Amino acid sequence: MRILRRRFLYLAGGAAALPAASRSAWAQSYPTRPVRLIVAYAPGGMTDTIGRLMAQRLSDRFKRQFHVENMPGGGGNIGSGRAARAAADGYTILVNDGTSFVINPILYRNAGYDPDGDFKAIAVPVTTTQVLTVTPSMPAHTVKDLVALIKASPGKYSYASAGVTSPSRFTSELFRTSLGLDLVHVPFNGAGPAITSTIGGHTQIAFGSPASSLAQIREGTLRALAVASRSRLGALPDVLTMKEAGFPEIECDSGIGFFVPTGTPKEIIDSLNREIGAIVALPELKEQLATFGFESSPGTPEQAAIALKEESAKWLNVIRTAAIKAE
């Protein structure tokens, strides 16, 4: 009986070890088929821009197609929820802005995902800021002009955001609450529609990412008043920072993150992290990122997770002060 028991335990142990060995070998051969990058927002915004830049270069480096699939809606929840339910095999990657990713489950009763339990961070390879813009028909050419205009007509003006829990919303609310302004919020499913609304004058004001607003600023269909970064953007060298404009408390630097479902082999996560880090370190890509108002910030998956926790803590105070709720 003892011999039979020992033989059973030996065979059981071997059977348990086999999937792990096979899984490791399978991870080392990754990818063997196309990889889907779910972008949780509509085309045209900062998340979509980075998703497409990285998909192209990951395709080149891995010799397999990495393609973007836009899934807007719910302030990023639809795309994030879909990615959370995907197989943990490295063939579905979520691309989302770090702010919305960590804040949505706090604001929504049922966001459809848990950022800590459902996902592992690959990297937060780039950061960007927000640009305060107005429709050109607005008689405001400085931030102080705009503040005076809003205070003279409480409730008259509205601002567009890329979503209820987007960095543009949080930065706008920081602007509104810090200065005691009476503004109407109009949320959209992505930065592209929000900027389009402001160009048309349906909403007069928008904080938007450089990626979503630079072309319009250069064309003159939007007027940039200030950037919410610590220093001026190379892409907008003549536009003051909010601090230079007299409002140092208005600051936003947010990251774009890449995530996979929990359970994805660490070998795949590490491989993706290495390649993404190598991509954003390329001089030509750094230059290209700068033209869109991004800065590269390569780091380990562990560093990405820490950065996301810091992002969450930074905006919780704004949420409480502005009494922001998922609408």
Protein backbone atom coordinates (compact mmCIF):
# COMPACT_ATOMS: atom_id res chain seq x y z
CA MET A 1 0.00 0.00 0.00
CA ARG A 2 2.81 2.39 0.89
CA ILE A 3 4.53 1.66 -2.42
CA LEU A 4 1.32 2.40 -4.30
CA ARG A 5 0.83 5.62 -2.33
CA ARG A 6 4.40 6.79 -3.06
CA ARG A 7 3.92 5.97 -6.74
CA PHE A 8 0.64 7.92 -6.81
CA LEU A 9 2.26 10.96 -5.16
CA TYR A 10 5.17 10.79 -7.59
CA LEU A 11 2.86 10.70 -10.61
CA ALA A 12 0.63 13.44 -9.17
CA GLY A 13 3.64 15.67 -8.56
CA GLY A 14 4.87 15.11 -12.09
CA ALA A 15 1.44 15.94 -13.51
CA ALA A 16 1.32 19.16 -11.50
CA ALA A 17 4.78 20.21 -12.65
CA LEU A 18 4.10 19.52 -16.31
CA PRO A 19 1.67 22.40 -16.93
CA ALA A 20 4.09 24.83 -15.27
CA ALA A 21 6.96 23.70 -17.50
CA SER A 22 4.75 23.79 -20.59
CA ARG A 23 3.45 27.21 -19.60
CA SER A 24 6.98 28.55 -19.26
CA ALA A 25 8.00 27.21 -22.67
CA TRP A 26 4.80 28.60 -24.18
CA ALA A 27 5.51 32.03 -22.65
CA GLN A 28 9.05 32.03 -24.06
CA SER A 29 7.70 31.54 -27.59
CA TYR A 30 5.25 34.45 -27.22
CA PRO A 31 3.71 35.81 -29.38
CA THR A 32 2.67 33.23 -31.95
CA ARG A 33 -0.41 35.11 -33.21
CA PRO A 34 -1.73 38.71 -33.37
CA VAL A 35 -2.03 40.66 -30.12
CA ARG A 36 -4.95 42.96 -29.39
CA LEU A 37 -4.46 46.30 -27.62
CA ILE A 38 -7.77 47.44 -26.15
CA VAL A 39 -7.83 51.24 -25.95
CA ALA A 40 -10.56 52.22 -23.50
CA TYR A 41 -11.40 55.46 -25.32
CA ALA A 42 -12.48 56.76 -28.72
CA PRO A 43 -9.90 57.46 -31.44
CA GLY A 44 -8.14 60.81 -31.33
CA GLY A 45 -7.19 61.14 -27.67
CA MET A 46 -3.91 60.70 -25.83
CA THR A 47 -4.53 57.05 -24.92
CA ASP A 48 -5.37 56.16 -28.51
CA THR A 49 -2.29 58.03 -29.79
CA ILE A 50 0.08 56.09 -27.53
CA GLY A 51 -1.71 52.81 -28.19
CA ARG A 52 -1.20 53.19 -31.94
CA LEU A 53 2.41 54.35 -31.66
CA MET A 54 3.28 51.37 -29.49
CA ALA A 55 1.26 48.85 -31.52
CA GLN A 56 3.22 49.74 -34.64
CA ARG A 57 6.60 49.39 -32.97
CA LEU A 58 5.73 46.28 -30.98
CA SER A 59 4.68 44.69 -34.27
CA ASP A 60 8.10 45.51 -35.70
CA ARG A 61 10.02 44.18 -32.71
CA PHE A 62 8.04 40.97 -32.14
CA LYS A 63 7.44 40.27 -35.85
CA ARG A 64 3.76 39.72 -35.05
CA GLN A 65 0.83 42.08 -35.48
CA PHE A 66 -0.16 44.21 -32.49
CA HIS A 67 -3.40 46.01 -33.36
CA VAL A 68 -5.56 48.60 -31.60
CA GLU A 69 -9.23 47.99 -30.85
CA ASN A 70 -11.06 51.06 -29.50
CA MET A 71 -13.72 50.30 -26.86
CA PRO A 72 -15.00 53.67 -25.58
CA GLY A 73 -17.76 54.17 -23.04
CA GLY A 74 -18.33 54.36 -19.31
CA GLY A 75 -15.35 56.63 -18.78
CA GLY A 76 -13.05 53.78 -19.79
CA ASN A 77 -14.96 51.08 -17.90
CA ILE A 78 -16.25 49.20 -20.94
CA GLY A 79 -12.81 48.63 -22.40
CA SER A 80 -11.23 47.89 -19.03
CA GLY A 81 -14.00 45.46 -18.10
CA ARG A 82 -13.67 43.64 -21.41
CA ALA A 83 -9.91 43.35 -20.97
CA ALA A 84 -10.34 42.06 -17.41
CA ARG A 85 -12.43 39.14 -18.73
CA ALA A 86 -9.96 38.23 -21.46
CA ALA A 87 -7.74 35.18 -21.27
CA ALA A 88 -4.57 35.72 -19.23
CA ASP A 89 -2.31 34.72 -22.10
CA GLY A 90 -0.73 38.01 -23.20
CA TYR A 91 -2.85 38.32 -26.32
CA THR A 92 -5.08 41.04 -24.87
CA ILE A 93 -3.41 44.18 -23.50
CA LEU A 94 -5.34 47.08 -21.99
CA VAL A 95 -4.14 50.61 -22.76
CA ASN A 96 -5.66 53.15 -20.39
CA ASP A 97 -4.73 56.42 -18.76
CA GLY A 98 -3.48 55.74 -15.26
CA THR A 99 -5.83 58.22 -13.59
CA SER A 100 -9.08 56.75 -14.90
CA PHE A 101 -7.81 53.21 -14.44
CA VAL A 102 -7.25 53.53 -10.69
CA ILE A 103 -10.01 56.06 -9.88
CA ASN A 104 -13.01 54.59 -11.75
CA PRO A 105 -13.60 51.70 -9.32
CA ILE A 106 -13.71 54.26 -6.50
CA LEU A 107 -16.32 56.42 -8.21
CA TYR A 108 -18.47 53.83 -9.95
CA ARG A 109 -20.62 51.41 -7.97
CA ASN A 110 -19.79 48.74 -10.51
CA ALA A 111 -16.88 49.69 -12.73
CA GLY A 112 -16.68 46.13 -14.03
CA TYR A 113 -13.10 45.54 -12.95
CA ASP A 114 -10.72 45.72 -10.01
CA PRO A 115 -7.39 47.39 -10.92
CA ASP A 116 -5.53 45.47 -8.22
CA GLY A 117 -7.21 42.08 -8.49
CA ASP A 118 -7.92 41.82 -12.22
CA PHE A 119 -4.76 43.30 -13.74
CA LYS A 120 -0.99 43.33 -13.62
CA ALA A 121 0.84 46.43 -14.84
CA ILE A 122 3.29 46.00 -17.68
CA ALA A 123 4.52 49.59 -17.77
CA VAL A 124 3.56 53.25 -17.59
CA PRO A 125 5.98 54.25 -20.37
CA VAL A 126 4.88 57.82 -21.05
CA THR A 127 3.48 60.79 -19.17
CA THR A 128 1.71 63.88 -20.41
CA THR A 129 -0.19 66.89 -19.11
CA GLN A 130 -3.31 68.94 -19.86
CA VAL A 131 -3.67 72.12 -21.91
CA LEU A 132 -6.26 74.75 -21.03
CA THR A 133 -7.96 75.74 -24.28
CA VAL A 134 -10.92 77.89 -25.29
CA THR A 135 -12.94 78.30 -28.45
CA PRO A 136 -11.45 81.23 -30.46
CA SER A 137 -14.65 83.28 -30.16
CA MET A 138 -14.09 83.59 -26.40
CA PRO A 139 -12.79 87.08 -25.49
CA ALA A 140 -10.08 85.58 -23.27
CA HIS A 141 -6.39 85.51 -24.22
CA THR A 142 -4.93 84.72 -20.80
CA VAL A 143 -5.95 82.53 -17.88
CA LYS A 144 -6.67 85.64 -15.82
CA ASP A 145 -8.93 86.91 -18.61
CA LEU A 146 -10.82 83.61 -18.56
CA VAL A 147 -11.21 83.56 -14.78
CA ALA A 148 -12.54 87.12 -14.80
CA LEU A 149 -14.98 86.25 -17.60
CA ILE A 150 -16.34 83.21 -15.75
CA LYS A 151 -16.70 85.09 -12.47
CA ALA A 152 -18.56 87.91 -14.22
CA SER A 153 -21.17 85.45 -15.57
CA PRO A 154 -21.59 82.50 -13.16
CA GLY A 155 -23.08 79.40 -14.75
CA LYS A 156 -22.88 80.79 -18.28
CA TYR A 157 -19.86 78.86 -19.48
CA SER A 158 -19.25 75.12 -19.78
CA TYR A 159 -16.22 72.92 -20.06
CA ALA A 160 -15.85 69.68 -22.00
CA SER A 161 -14.02 66.65 -20.63
CA ALA A 162 -12.90 63.35 -22.11
CA GLY A 163 -15.04 61.54 -19.56
CA VAL A 164 -16.41 61.68 -16.04
CA THR A 165 -13.23 60.21 -14.56
CA SER A 166 -10.65 61.43 -17.08
CA PRO A 167 -7.56 63.53 -16.31
CA SER A 168 -9.20 66.40 -18.21
CA ARG A 169 -12.17 66.24 -15.82
CA PHE A 170 -10.02 66.12 -12.71
CA THR A 171 -7.80 68.97 -13.90
CA SER A 172 -10.87 71.02 -14.79
CA GLU A 173 -12.36 70.39 -11.35
CA LEU A 174 -9.06 71.35 -9.71
CA PHE A 175 -9.25 74.58 -11.73
CA ARG A 176 -12.91 75.16 -10.86
CA THR A 177 -12.75 74.41 -7.13
CA SER A 178 -9.39 76.11 -6.48
CA LEU A 179 -10.68 79.36 -7.94
CA GLY A 180 -14.31 79.11 -6.86
CA LEU A 181 -15.67 79.12 -10.41
CA ASP A 182 -19.23 78.32 -11.47
CA LEU A 183 -18.82 76.14 -14.57
CA VAL A 184 -21.04 73.50 -16.19
CA HIS A 185 -19.44 70.13 -16.89
CA VAL A 186 -20.20 68.36 -20.21
CA PRO A 187 -18.56 64.89 -20.38
CA PHE A 188 -17.80 63.01 -23.60
CA ASN A 189 -16.59 59.49 -24.42
CA GLY A 190 -13.05 60.53 -25.28
CA ALA A 191 -10.90 63.57 -25.88
CA GLY A 192 -11.65 63.75 -29.60
CA PRO A 193 -15.38 64.48 -29.16
CA ALA A 194 -14.65 66.88 -26.28
CA ILE A 195 -12.21 68.91 -28.37
CA THR A 196 -14.60 68.90 -31.34
CA SER A 197 -17.34 70.32 -29.11
CA THR A 198 -15.05 73.12 -27.95
CA ILE A 199 -13.92 73.93 -31.47
CA GLY A 200 -17.57 74.33 -32.41
CA GLY A 201 -18.28 76.52 -29.39
CA HIS A 202 -20.87 74.13 -27.94
CA THR A 203 -18.63 74.03 -24.89
CA GLN A 204 -16.40 77.07 -24.55
CA ILE A 205 -13.57 75.60 -22.44
CA ALA A 206 -11.60 72.36 -22.34
CA PHE A 207 -8.59 70.96 -20.59
CA GLY A 208 -7.25 68.44 -23.08
CA SER A 209 -4.13 66.41 -23.58
CA PRO A 210 -1.56 67.86 -25.99
CA ALA A 211 -2.06 64.82 -28.23
CA SER A 212 -5.74 65.66 -28.69
CA SER A 213 -5.38 69.45 -29.05
CA LEU A 214 -2.01 70.37 -30.58
CA ALA A 215 -3.14 70.19 -34.20
CA GLN A 216 -6.18 72.35 -33.50
CA ILE A 217 -4.12 74.87 -31.54
CA ARG A 218 -1.66 75.17 -34.43
CA GLU A 219 -4.52 75.51 -36.92
CA GLY A 220 -6.11 78.26 -34.82
CA THR A 221 -9.37 76.41 -34.24
CA LEU A 222 -8.52 76.30 -30.52
CA ARG A 223 -6.73 78.91 -28.40
CA ALA A 224 -4.27 77.61 -25.80
CA LEU A 225 -4.05 79.67 -22.62
CA ALA A 226 -1.70 77.55 -20.47
CA VAL A 227 -0.30 74.08 -19.83
CA ALA A 228 -0.69 72.30 -16.50
CA SER A 229 2.85 70.88 -16.49
CA ARG A 230 5.76 71.95 -14.27
CA SER A 231 7.66 73.31 -17.24
CA ARG A 232 6.72 74.50 -20.72
CA LEU A 233 6.07 71.95 -23.41
CA GLY A 234 8.57 71.72 -26.25
CA ALA A 235 5.58 71.31 -28.57
CA LEU A 236 4.05 74.60 -27.31
CA PRO A 237 7.06 76.70 -26.31
CA ASP A 238 5.14 80.00 -26.36
CA VAL A 239 2.34 78.81 -24.07
CA LEU A 240 2.79 79.63 -20.39
CA THR A 241 2.57 77.07 -17.62
CA MET A 242 -0.29 77.53 -15.17
CA LYS A 243 2.30 78.59 -12.61
CA GLU A 244 3.67 81.27 -14.94
CA ALA A 245 0.09 82.37 -15.60
CA GLY A 246 -0.37 82.94 -11.87
CA PHE A 247 -2.07 79.67 -10.86
CA PRO A 248 0.62 77.28 -9.52
CA GLU A 249 -1.94 75.02 -7.82
CA ILE A 250 -3.27 73.81 -11.18
CA GLU A 251 -0.95 70.98 -12.14
CA CYS A 252 -1.43 67.64 -13.88
CA ASP A 253 1.07 65.05 -15.04
CA SER A 254 -0.61 61.75 -15.90
CA GLY A 255 0.68 58.48 -17.31
CA ILE A 256 -0.56 56.08 -19.96
CA GLY A 257 -0.45 52.49 -18.73
CA PHE A 258 -0.30 49.04 -20.34
CA PHE A 259 -1.94 46.19 -18.43
CA VAL A 260 -2.68 42.47 -18.80
CA PRO A 261 -5.15 40.25 -16.95
CA THR A 262 -3.93 38.75 -13.68
CA GLY A 263 -2.50 35.31 -14.29
CA THR A 264 -0.57 36.31 -17.39
CA PRO A 265 2.85 34.59 -17.16
CA LYS A 266 5.53 36.80 -15.67
CA GLU A 267 7.82 35.94 -18.59
CA ILE A 268 5.35 37.59 -20.97
CA ILE A 269 4.95 40.66 -18.75
CA ASP A 270 8.72 41.05 -18.45
CA SER A 271 9.21 40.57 -22.19
CA LEU A 272 6.61 43.23 -23.01
CA ASN A 273 8.08 45.56 -20.41
CA ARG A 274 11.58 45.23 -21.88
CA GLU A 275 10.40 45.90 -25.42
CA ILE A 276 8.20 48.85 -24.43
CA GLY A 277 11.07 50.33 -22.42
CA ALA A 278 13.43 49.92 -25.37
CA ILE A 279 10.91 51.54 -27.71
CA VAL A 280 10.37 54.68 -25.62
CA ALA A 281 14.15 55.03 -25.15
CA LEU A 282 14.72 55.35 -28.90
CA PRO A 283 15.89 58.91 -29.70
CA GLU A 284 13.61 59.17 -32.72
CA LEU A 285 10.59 58.06 -30.71
CA LYS A 286 11.42 60.44 -27.87
CA GLU A 287 11.39 63.21 -30.44
CA GLN A 288 8.10 61.99 -31.87
CA LEU A 289 6.55 61.72 -28.41
CA ALA A 290 7.64 65.27 -27.64
CA THR A 291 5.79 66.56 -30.69
CA PHE A 292 2.60 65.17 -29.12
CA GLY A 293 3.42 66.57 -25.68
CA PHE A 294 4.57 63.27 -24.11
CA GLU A 295 7.66 62.41 -22.11
CA SER A 296 9.07 58.88 -21.94
CA SER A 297 9.26 57.27 -18.51
CA PRO A 298 10.46 53.66 -18.83
CA GLY A 299 10.44 51.56 -15.68
CA THR A 300 9.78 48.09 -14.29
CA PRO A 301 6.30 46.61 -13.77
CA GLU A 302 6.80 47.12 -10.04
CA GLN A 303 7.59 50.81 -10.55
CA ALA A 304 4.50 51.13 -12.74
CA ALA A 305 2.33 49.72 -9.95
CA ILE A 306 3.78 52.22 -7.45
CA ALA A 307 3.21 55.13 -9.85
CA LEU A 308 -0.43 54.13 -10.21
CA LYS A 309 -0.97 54.10 -6.45
CA GLU A 310 0.55 57.58 -6.21
CA GLU A 311 -1.75 58.73 -9.03
CA SER A 312 -4.78 57.47 -7.11
CA ALA A 313 -3.80 59.27 -3.91
CA LYS A 314 -3.13 62.55 -5.74
CA TRP A 315 -6.64 62.87 -7.16
CA LEU A 316 -8.68 61.54 -4.24
CA ASN A 317 -8.55 64.96 -2.57
CA VAL A 318 -9.88 66.62 -5.74
CA ILE A 319 -12.71 64.07 -5.89
CA ARG A 320 -13.72 64.82 -2.32
CA THR A 321 -13.45 68.59 -2.68
CA ALA A 322 -15.40 68.70 -5.93
CA ALA A 323 -17.85 66.01 -4.75
CA ILE A 324 -17.26 64.20 -8.06
CA LYS A 325 -19.58 61.27 -8.67
CA ALA A 326 -20.01 58.93 -11.60
CA GLU A 327 -22.87 60.45 -13.60
